[in-house]
Amino acid sequence: MRLLVNIRGTNGSGKSTIPIAMKDDPDMYEVIRPYKGKPKKILTVFPNYGWVALGAYNIQVGGCDAFPNKDFIKKVLVYALKKFPEYNVLMEGILIATTYSTYAELFAEMQETYGVQPVIYYLMPPVETCIARIKKRNGGKPFKEELVYAKYGMMQRGIEKFRQAGDFPVLVVNNSSVKKSDVISQFFDKLEEVT
C-alpha cells in the first residue's frame, strides 16, 4: 500500500528530523522546477528508502515551510504522486501542521484520485522537550515559549479532530527518548501499525 504521510508537531517536535535522517541515502537527489523565473527545489527523493519528501532539506527553512502557499503545496504533492508512483510520499512543515480542514480535504482528494493511504503522524514529545530542543538549536537565544505551548495545544486539538473524523489512521508518537540514529527505525516501526 502506497502511503502519504503528513508529519505534524510543534516547533522542536522533530518533524524535519525524519527526512533529514533519510539523507544518508547515497542516491538521494532533489527535483528542481522553475517558479516565478527562478529554480525552486520542490522535492527530495530517497530512492533506497522508497520515499519522496516535499521540499528541500539542505536549507534553514525546509519541507513545506519553504513553499509560498497551500496551492503550491498541492501542485507539488500532485506532481510527486504522478511522477513517482512507486514511492511513498512524506510532507511536513509547521504551517501545515496547524491546519485541519484544508489538509483533511486534500488528503481525501489524493486518496480518491491516486489511491494512496494518508497517515497523520503526530510527533508529540512533552512540550518541555520541544522547548529544550529549540533552545539547543538556536544557541540559547530567547524566543516566545508561549507560542510553542499554543501550537502544542493546536496539535492536541488536531489529533482529536482527525480521530473523530475517522478518515485516516492517526499515529501519536513520543520521540523524546529516541536517539537521532534511531529516528528512521521508529518511523517505519510506527507505520507498520497502520499498514
C-alpha atoms as a PDB file:
ATOM      1  CA  MET A   1       0.000   0.000   0.000  1.00  0.00           C
ATOM      2  CA  ARG A   2       1.386   3.379  -1.008  1.00  0.00           C
ATOM      3  CA  LEU A   3       1.468   5.914   1.810  1.00  0.00           C
ATOM      4  CA  LEU A   4       1.049   9.672   2.028  1.00  0.00           C
ATOM      5  CA  VAL A   5       2.409  10.589   5.455  1.00  0.00           C
ATOM      6  CA  ASN A   6       1.822  14.017   6.939  1.00  0.00           C
ATOM      7  CA  ILE A   7       4.188  14.532   9.868  1.00  0.00           C
ATOM      8  CA  ARG A   8       2.742  17.033  12.343  1.00  0.00           C
ATOM      9  CA  GLY A   9       4.021  18.582  15.526  1.00  0.00           C
ATOM     10  CA  THR A  10       5.042  21.875  17.055  1.00  0.00           C
ATOM     11  CA  ASN A  11       8.447  23.502  16.659  1.00  0.00           C
ATOM     12  CA  GLY A  12      11.098  21.257  18.177  1.00  0.00           C
ATOM     13  CA  SER A  13       8.992  18.105  17.888  1.00  0.00           C
ATOM     14  CA  GLY A  14      11.326  16.529  15.321  1.00  0.00           C
ATOM     15  CA  LYS A  15       9.276  16.769  12.119  1.00  0.00           C
ATOM     16  CA  SER A  16      12.158  17.520   9.794  1.00  0.00           C
ATOM     17  CA  THR A  17      14.490  15.116  11.613  1.00  0.00           C
ATOM     18  CA  ILE A  18      12.855  12.192   9.791  1.00  0.00           C
ATOM     19  CA  PRO A  19      13.541  13.327   6.204  1.00  0.00           C
ATOM     20  CA  ILE A  20      16.923  14.728   7.268  1.00  0.00           C
ATOM     21  CA  ALA A  21      17.833  11.265   8.584  1.00  0.00           C
ATOM     22  CA  MET A  22      16.974   9.828   5.162  1.00  0.00           C
ATOM     23  CA  LYS A  23      19.709  11.974   3.653  1.00  0.00           C
ATOM     24  CA  ASP A  24      22.113   9.132   4.368  1.00  0.00           C
ATOM     25  CA  ASP A  25      20.745   7.627   1.138  1.00  0.00           C
ATOM     26  CA  PRO A  26      23.757   7.850  -1.229  1.00  0.00           C
ATOM     27  CA  ASP A  27      21.399   8.114  -4.219  1.00  0.00           C
ATOM     28  CA  MET A  28      19.338  10.980  -2.774  1.00  0.00           C
ATOM     29  CA  TYR A  29      18.607  13.814  -5.187  1.00  0.00           C
ATOM     30  CA  GLU A  30      16.490  16.940  -5.414  1.00  0.00           C
ATOM     31  CA  VAL A  31      13.914  17.852  -8.035  1.00  0.00           C
ATOM     32  CA  ILE A  32      14.146  21.470  -9.151  1.00  0.00           C
ATOM     33  CA  ARG A  33      11.480  23.244 -11.188  1.00  0.00           C
ATOM     34  CA  PRO A  34      11.091  26.860 -12.256  1.00  0.00           C
ATOM     35  CA  TYR A  35       8.967  29.106 -10.065  1.00  0.00           C
ATOM     36  CA  LYS A  36       8.490  32.781 -10.961  1.00  0.00           C
ATOM     37  CA  GLY A  37      11.514  32.655 -13.215  1.00  0.00           C
ATOM     38  CA  LYS A  38      13.843  31.109 -10.646  1.00  0.00           C
ATOM     39  CA  PRO A  39      14.805  27.495  -9.866  1.00  0.00           C
ATOM     40  CA  LYS A  40      12.912  26.100  -6.870  1.00  0.00           C
ATOM     41  CA  LYS A  41      13.713  22.876  -5.026  1.00  0.00           C
ATOM     42  CA  ILE A  42      10.360  21.142  -4.765  1.00  0.00           C
ATOM     43  CA  LEU A  43      11.143  17.523  -3.851  1.00  0.00           C
ATOM     44  CA  THR A  44      13.815  15.419  -2.218  1.00  0.00           C
ATOM     45  CA  VAL A  45      13.919  11.835  -3.473  1.00  0.00           C
ATOM     46  CA  PHE A  46      15.294   8.975  -1.370  1.00  0.00           C
ATOM     47  CA  PRO A  47      15.403   6.013  -3.816  1.00  0.00           C
ATOM     48  CA  ASN A  48      16.881   3.473  -1.403  1.00  0.00           C
ATOM     49  CA  TYR A  49      14.184   4.224   1.150  1.00  0.00           C
ATOM     50  CA  GLY A  50      11.415   4.349  -1.466  1.00  0.00           C
ATOM     51  CA  TRP A  51      10.274   7.782  -0.302  1.00  0.00           C
ATOM     52  CA  VAL A  52       9.925  11.249  -1.755  1.00  0.00           C
ATOM     53  CA  ALA A  53       9.583  14.291   0.516  1.00  0.00           C
ATOM     54  CA  LEU A  54       8.036  17.607  -0.394  1.00  0.00           C
ATOM     55  CA  GLY A  55      10.594  20.403  -0.220  1.00  0.00           C
ATOM     56  CA  ALA A  56      14.330  20.516   0.371  1.00  0.00           C
ATOM     57  CA  TYR A  57      16.352  19.679   3.467  1.00  0.00           C
ATOM     58  CA  ASN A  58      19.638  21.483   2.929  1.00  0.00           C
ATOM     59  CA  ILE A  59      18.177  24.904   3.706  1.00  0.00           C
ATOM     60  CA  GLN A  60      17.320  26.544   7.021  1.00  0.00           C
ATOM     61  CA  VAL A  61      13.559  26.531   6.434  1.00  0.00           C
ATOM     62  CA  GLY A  62      12.817  23.285   4.661  1.00  0.00           C
ATOM     63  CA  GLY A  63       9.952  20.995   3.789  1.00  0.00           C
ATOM     64  CA  CYS A  64       6.610  22.606   3.017  1.00  0.00           C
ATOM     65  CA  ASP A  65       7.543  25.685   5.074  1.00  0.00           C
ATOM     66  CA  ALA A  66       9.673  26.823   2.119  1.00  0.00           C
ATOM     67  CA  PHE A  67       6.617  26.863  -0.140  1.00  0.00           C
ATOM     68  CA  PRO A  68       4.646  30.085  -0.714  1.00  0.00           C
ATOM     69  CA  ASN A  69       1.091  28.833  -0.144  1.00  0.00           C
ATOM     70  CA  LYS A  70      -1.275  25.854   0.046  1.00  0.00           C
ATOM     71  CA  ASP A  71      -1.970  25.888  -3.702  1.00  0.00           C
ATOM     72  CA  PHE A  72       1.736  25.457  -4.373  1.00  0.00           C
ATOM     73  CA  ILE A  73       1.878  22.623  -1.826  1.00  0.00           C
ATOM     74  CA  LYS A  74      -0.991  20.872  -3.617  1.00  0.00           C
ATOM     75  CA  LYS A  75       0.701  21.250  -7.020  1.00  0.00           C
ATOM     76  CA  VAL A  76       3.948  19.788  -5.693  1.00  0.00           C
ATOM     77  CA  LEU A  77       2.086  16.949  -3.979  1.00  0.00           C
ATOM     78  CA  VAL A  78       0.226  16.059  -7.179  1.00  0.00           C
ATOM     79  CA  TYR A  79       3.493  16.227  -9.111  1.00  0.00           C
ATOM     80  CA  ALA A  80       5.134  13.849  -6.617  1.00  0.00           C
ATOM     81  CA  LEU A  81       2.248  11.388  -6.770  1.00  0.00           C
ATOM     82  CA  LYS A  82       2.227  11.385 -10.576  1.00  0.00           C
ATOM     83  CA  LYS A  83       5.973  11.379 -11.249  1.00  0.00           C
ATOM     84  CA  PHE A  84       6.965   8.918  -8.519  1.00  0.00           C
ATOM     85  CA  PRO A  85       4.155   6.331  -8.481  1.00  0.00           C
ATOM     86  CA  GLU A  86       6.407   3.707  -6.878  1.00  0.00           C
ATOM     87  CA  TYR A  87       7.345   5.869  -3.883  1.00  0.00           C
ATOM     88  CA  ASN A  88       5.663   6.729  -0.607  1.00  0.00           C
ATOM     89  CA  VAL A  89       5.265  10.477  -0.055  1.00  0.00           C
ATOM     90  CA  LEU A  90       6.180  12.460   3.050  1.00  0.00           C
ATOM     91  CA  MET A  91       5.170  16.036   3.791  1.00  0.00           C
ATOM     92  CA  GLU A  92       5.823  18.150   6.849  1.00  0.00           C
ATOM     93  CA  GLY A  93       6.006  21.741   7.998  1.00  0.00           C
ATOM     94  CA  ILE A  94       4.840  23.870  10.887  1.00  0.00           C
ATOM     95  CA  LEU A  95       2.395  25.823   8.722  1.00  0.00           C
ATOM     96  CA  ILE A  96       0.502  22.766   7.517  1.00  0.00           C
ATOM     97  CA  ALA A  97       0.711  21.114  10.944  1.00  0.00           C
ATOM     98  CA  THR A  98      -1.628  23.703  12.425  1.00  0.00           C
ATOM     99  CA  THR A  99      -4.367  23.421   9.787  1.00  0.00           C
ATOM    100  CA  TYR A 100      -7.034  20.719   9.830  1.00  0.00           C
ATOM    101  CA  SER A 101      -9.827  21.150   7.274  1.00  0.00           C
ATOM    102  CA  THR A 102      -7.724  22.274   4.281  1.00  0.00           C
ATOM    103  CA  TYR A 103      -5.448  19.271   4.521  1.00  0.00           C
ATOM    104  CA  ALA A 104      -8.097  16.752   5.585  1.00  0.00           C
ATOM    105  CA  GLU A 105      -9.888  17.612   2.339  1.00  0.00           C
ATOM    106  CA  LEU A 106      -6.660  17.495   0.331  1.00  0.00           C
ATOM    107  CA  PHE A 107      -5.710  14.087   1.730  1.00  0.00           C
ATOM    108  CA  ALA A 108      -9.180  12.710   0.958  1.00  0.00           C
ATOM    109  CA  GLU A 109      -8.875  14.005  -2.607  1.00  0.00           C
ATOM    110  CA  MET A 110      -5.428  12.433  -3.039  1.00  0.00           C
ATOM    111  CA  GLN A 111      -6.689   9.138  -1.620  1.00  0.00           C
ATOM    112  CA  GLU A 112      -9.585   9.047  -4.060  1.00  0.00           C
ATOM    113  CA  THR A 113      -7.602  10.228  -7.087  1.00  0.00           C
ATOM    114  CA  TYR A 114      -4.292   8.404  -6.604  1.00  0.00           C
ATOM    115  CA  GLY A 115      -5.178   5.504  -4.320  1.00  0.00           C
ATOM    116  CA  VAL A 116      -2.706   6.483  -1.602  1.00  0.00           C
ATOM    117  CA  GLN A 117      -3.298   5.830   2.075  1.00  0.00           C
ATOM    118  CA  PRO A 118      -2.959   9.066   4.042  1.00  0.00           C
ATOM    119  CA  VAL A 119      -1.460   8.679   7.519  1.00  0.00           C
ATOM    120  CA  ILE A 120      -1.449  11.520  10.039  1.00  0.00           C
ATOM    121  CA  TYR A 121       1.763  11.161  12.058  1.00  0.00           C
ATOM    122  CA  TYR A 122       1.866  13.398  15.129  1.00  0.00           C
ATOM    123  CA  LEU A 123       5.173  13.832  16.929  1.00  0.00           C
ATOM    124  CA  MET A 124       4.197  14.681  20.499  1.00  0.00           C
ATOM    125  CA  PRO A 125       7.091  14.608  22.925  1.00  0.00           C
ATOM    126  CA  PRO A 126       6.418  16.635  26.090  1.00  0.00           C
ATOM    127  CA  VAL A 127       6.239  20.337  25.287  1.00  0.00           C
ATOM    128  CA  GLU A 128       9.201  20.930  27.611  1.00  0.00           C
ATOM    129  CA  THR A 129      11.266  18.635  25.372  1.00  0.00           C
ATOM    130  CA  CYS A 130      10.296  20.708  22.323  1.00  0.00           C
ATOM    131  CA  ILE A 131      11.325  23.919  24.073  1.00  0.00           C
ATOM    132  CA  ALA A 132      14.668  22.418  25.169  1.00  0.00           C
ATOM    133  CA  ARG A 133      15.367  21.319  21.578  1.00  0.00           C
ATOM    134  CA  ILE A 134      14.599  24.780  20.222  1.00  0.00           C
ATOM    135  CA  LYS A 135      16.952  26.353  22.781  1.00  0.00           C
ATOM    136  CA  LYS A 136      19.681  23.892  21.835  1.00  0.00           C
ATOM    137  CA  ARG A 137      19.437  24.515  18.098  1.00  0.00           C
ATOM    138  CA  ASN A 138      19.204  28.309  18.346  1.00  0.00           C
ATOM    139  CA  GLY A 139      22.146  28.594  20.719  1.00  0.00           C
ATOM    140  CA  GLY A 140      20.064  29.554  23.733  1.00  0.00           C
ATOM    141  CA  LYS A 141      18.629  32.727  22.214  1.00  0.00           C
ATOM    142  CA  PRO A 142      15.342  33.833  23.783  1.00  0.00           C
ATOM    143  CA  PHE A 143      12.147  33.059  21.902  1.00  0.00           C
ATOM    144  CA  LYS A 144       8.446  33.210  22.660  1.00  0.00           C
ATOM    145  CA  GLU A 145       7.924  29.964  24.530  1.00  0.00           C
ATOM    146  CA  GLU A 146       4.219  30.724  24.882  1.00  0.00           C
ATOM    147  CA  LEU A 147       3.877  30.281  21.112  1.00  0.00           C
ATOM    148  CA  VAL A 148       5.225  26.741  21.419  1.00  0.00           C
ATOM    149  CA  TYR A 149       2.695  25.998  24.159  1.00  0.00           C
ATOM    150  CA  ALA A 150      -0.072  27.435  21.959  1.00  0.00           C
ATOM    151  CA  LYS A 151       0.964  25.327  18.958  1.00  0.00           C
ATOM    152  CA  TYR A 152       1.219  22.254  21.173  1.00  0.00           C
ATOM    153  CA  GLY A 153      -2.402  22.823  22.170  1.00  0.00           C
ATOM    154  CA  MET A 154      -3.300  23.143  18.488  1.00  0.00           C
ATOM    155  CA  MET A 155      -1.663  19.761  17.854  1.00  0.00           C
ATOM    156  CA  GLN A 156      -3.718  18.162  20.638  1.00  0.00           C
ATOM    157  CA  ARG A 157      -6.925  19.579  19.162  1.00  0.00           C
ATOM    158  CA  GLY A 158      -5.872  18.452  15.683  1.00  0.00           C
ATOM    159  CA  ILE A 159      -5.335  14.900  16.904  1.00  0.00           C
ATOM    160  CA  GLU A 160      -8.883  14.823  18.223  1.00  0.00           C
ATOM    161  CA  LYS A 161     -10.308  16.269  15.004  1.00  0.00           C
ATOM    162  CA  PHE A 162      -8.574  13.675  12.825  1.00  0.00           C
ATOM    163  CA  ARG A 163      -9.531  10.861  15.211  1.00  0.00           C
ATOM    164  CA  GLN A 164     -13.167  11.933  15.346  1.00  0.00           C
ATOM    165  CA  ALA A 165     -13.337  12.218  11.564  1.00  0.00           C
ATOM    166  CA  GLY A 166     -12.027   8.659  11.326  1.00  0.00           C
ATOM    167  CA  ASP A 167     -10.995   9.013   7.692  1.00  0.00           C
ATOM    168  CA  PHE A 168      -7.284   8.272   8.113  1.00  0.00           C
ATOM    169  CA  PRO A 169      -5.038   6.463  10.578  1.00  0.00           C
ATOM    170  CA  VAL A 170      -3.663   8.783  13.251  1.00  0.00           C
ATOM    171  CA  LEU A 171      -0.386   7.927  14.973  1.00  0.00           C
ATOM    172  CA  VAL A 172       0.729   9.846  18.060  1.00  0.00           C
ATOM    173  CA  VAL A 173       4.415   9.329  18.746  1.00  0.00           C
ATOM    174  CA  ASN A 174       6.577  10.372  21.685  1.00  0.00           C
ATOM    175  CA  ASN A 175      10.128  10.610  20.368  1.00  0.00           C
ATOM    176  CA  SER A 176      11.632  12.254  23.469  1.00  0.00           C
ATOM    177  CA  SER A 177      13.857   9.295  24.317  1.00  0.00           C
ATOM    178  CA  VAL A 178      14.723   8.283  20.746  1.00  0.00           C
ATOM    179  CA  LYS A 179      18.274   8.882  19.536  1.00  0.00           C
ATOM    180  CA  LYS A 180      18.675  10.635  16.193  1.00  0.00           C
ATOM    181  CA  SER A 181      20.263   7.460  14.850  1.00  0.00           C
ATOM    182  CA  ASP A 182      17.037   5.566  15.662  1.00  0.00           C
ATOM    183  CA  VAL A 183      14.535   8.095  14.262  1.00  0.00           C
ATOM    184  CA  ILE A 184      14.062   6.236  10.975  1.00  0.00           C
ATOM    185  CA  SER A 185      13.589   2.890  12.700  1.00  0.00           C
ATOM    186  CA  GLN A 186      10.911   4.345  14.968  1.00  0.00           C
ATOM    187  CA  PHE A 187       9.191   5.965  11.966  1.00  0.00           C
ATOM    188  CA  PHE A 188       8.996   2.722   9.989  1.00  0.00           C
ATOM    189  CA  ASP A 189       8.028   0.666  13.037  1.00  0.00           C
ATOM    190  CA  LYS A 190       5.128   3.009  13.797  1.00  0.00           C
ATOM    191  CA  LEU A 191       3.935   2.985  10.185  1.00  0.00           C
ATOM    192  CA  GLU A 192       3.758  -0.809  10.324  1.00  0.00           C
ATOM    193  CA  GLU A 193       0.994  -0.383  12.887  1.00  0.00           C
ATOM    194  CA  VAL A 194      -1.329   1.038  10.224  1.00  0.00           C
ATOM    195  CA  THR A 195      -0.228  -0.865   7.104  1.00  0.00           C
END
